[in-house]
């Protein structure tokens, strides 16, 4: 998976930084006040980086949605969700284009159809 430089979560633009171990000792980090996800790229595979990105996205959703999930719950959710996606070779793309779907976020913000 190619790690993007930016993503949008719930209408918020989030920057994604690929950093080295000397600046980030853990696998990844989410910083609400900076709207930034950092992914440690040292000694990790692309799959490990993708799983870390998914984990940090769930951390961000937890903050934005005020879900109050504890870190062990987020760890289990991100690990099992990533494994499910990988083991079943799930993809949400169709012909390299995002599949049109009703977006929960867009609907919640008064929008209609969005891109999945």
Protein backbone atom coordinates (compact mmCIF):
# COMPACT_ATOMS: atom_id res chain seq x y z
CA UNK A 1 0.00 0.00 0.00
CA UNK A 2 1.27 3.43 -0.86
CA UNK A 3 0.99 5.63 2.23
CA UNK A 4 -0.61 8.92 1.17
CA UNK A 5 0.68 12.31 2.31
CA UNK A 6 -2.80 13.47 3.35
CA UNK A 7 -6.18 11.96 4.12
CA UNK A 8 -9.55 13.35 5.18
CA UNK A 9 -11.28 12.00 8.29
CA UNK A 10 -14.72 13.38 9.14
CA UNK A 11 -14.09 16.51 7.12
CA UNK A 12 -10.69 17.19 8.72
CA UNK A 13 -7.56 17.14 6.59
CA UNK A 14 -4.88 15.01 8.24
CA UNK A 15 -1.23 15.09 7.20
CA UNK A 16 0.71 11.82 7.24
CA UNK A 17 4.42 11.92 7.90
CA UNK A 18 6.82 9.04 7.42
CA UNK A 19 9.49 9.39 10.10
CA UNK A 20 12.57 7.55 11.39
CA UNK A 21 12.97 5.75 14.73
CA UNK A 22 15.19 8.49 16.15
CA UNK A 23 12.23 10.91 16.04
CA UNK A 24 9.44 8.40 16.82
CA UNK A 25 10.29 5.43 19.03
CA UNK A 26 6.90 3.72 18.62
CA UNK A 27 5.30 2.41 15.38
CA UNK A 28 3.03 5.41 14.92
CA UNK A 29 1.46 8.42 16.56
CA UNK A 30 -1.70 10.49 16.25
CA UNK A 31 -1.63 14.16 17.27
CA UNK A 32 -5.12 15.66 17.51
CA UNK A 33 -3.94 19.24 18.00
CA UNK A 34 -1.72 19.06 14.88
CA UNK A 35 -4.10 16.92 12.76
CA UNK A 36 -1.11 14.72 11.99
CA UNK A 37 -0.38 11.01 11.83
CA UNK A 38 3.23 9.88 11.97
CA UNK A 39 4.33 6.45 10.72
CA UNK A 40 7.71 4.99 11.73
CA UNK A 41 9.34 3.61 8.57
CA UNK A 42 12.45 2.03 10.11
CA UNK A 43 12.59 -1.76 10.24
CA UNK A 44 8.97 -2.20 9.18
CA UNK A 45 7.38 -3.71 6.11
CA UNK A 46 4.84 -1.93 3.94
CA UNK A 47 2.13 -4.13 5.50
CA UNK A 48 3.24 -3.11 9.00
CA UNK A 49 3.15 0.56 7.98
CA UNK A 50 -0.34 0.10 6.49
CA UNK A 51 -1.55 -1.59 9.69
CA UNK A 52 -0.08 1.26 11.75
CA UNK A 53 -1.83 3.80 9.51
CA UNK A 54 -5.15 2.01 10.04
CA UNK A 55 -4.52 2.00 13.81
CA UNK A 56 -3.81 5.74 13.84
CA UNK A 57 -6.90 6.43 11.68
CA UNK A 58 -8.99 4.60 14.29
CA UNK A 59 -7.27 6.69 17.00
CA UNK A 60 -8.30 9.84 15.11
CA UNK A 61 -11.89 8.63 14.66
CA UNK A 62 -11.96 7.84 18.37
CA UNK A 63 -10.96 11.45 19.15
CA UNK A 64 -13.16 13.17 16.57
CA UNK A 65 -16.15 10.99 17.41
CA UNK A 66 -15.58 11.18 21.18
CA UNK A 67 -15.94 7.39 21.33
CA UNK A 68 -13.83 6.98 24.47
CA UNK A 69 -12.30 3.72 23.26
CA UNK A 70 -9.30 2.68 25.32
CA UNK A 71 -5.99 1.94 23.58
CA UNK A 72 -6.28 -1.86 24.06
CA UNK A 73 -9.69 -1.76 22.33
CA UNK A 74 -8.27 0.27 19.44
CA UNK A 75 -5.34 -2.15 19.15
CA UNK A 76 -7.67 -5.17 18.88
CA UNK A 77 -9.98 -3.36 16.44
CA UNK A 78 -7.17 -2.21 14.15
CA UNK A 79 -5.35 -5.57 14.21
CA UNK A 80 -8.45 -7.65 13.45
CA UNK A 81 -9.79 -5.20 10.85
CA UNK A 82 -6.44 -5.12 9.04
CA UNK A 83 -6.18 -8.94 9.14
CA UNK A 84 -9.75 -9.28 7.81
CA UNK A 85 -9.03 -6.90 4.92
CA UNK A 86 -5.75 -8.66 4.04
CA UNK A 87 -6.81 -12.28 4.50
CA UNK A 88 -9.93 -11.78 2.41
CA UNK A 89 -8.20 -9.56 -0.15
CA UNK A 90 -10.91 -6.96 0.28
CA UNK A 91 -10.72 -3.86 -1.83
CA UNK A 92 -12.97 -0.85 -1.92
CA UNK A 93 -11.83 0.35 -5.32
CA UNK A 94 -13.46 -0.35 -8.65
CA UNK A 95 -11.45 0.18 -11.82
CA UNK A 96 -9.01 2.40 -9.89
CA UNK A 97 -11.87 4.77 -9.03
CA UNK A 98 -13.55 5.15 -5.66
CA UNK A 99 -16.84 3.29 -5.58
CA UNK A 100 -19.78 5.68 -5.26
CA UNK A 101 -21.66 5.18 -2.02
CA UNK A 102 -23.64 7.15 0.47
CA UNK A 103 -21.07 8.55 2.84
CA UNK A 104 -21.96 8.44 6.51
CA UNK A 105 -19.84 11.53 7.06
CA UNK A 106 -21.45 13.43 4.21
CA UNK A 107 -24.93 12.42 5.33
CA UNK A 108 -24.14 13.51 8.89
CA UNK A 109 -22.99 16.89 7.58
CA UNK A 110 -26.11 17.35 5.43
CA UNK A 111 -24.54 16.02 2.24
CA UNK A 112 -25.86 13.41 -0.10
CA UNK A 113 -23.86 10.92 -2.06
CA UNK A 114 -20.15 10.92 -1.55
CA UNK A 115 -17.27 8.77 -2.53
CA UNK A 116 -16.51 5.70 -0.51
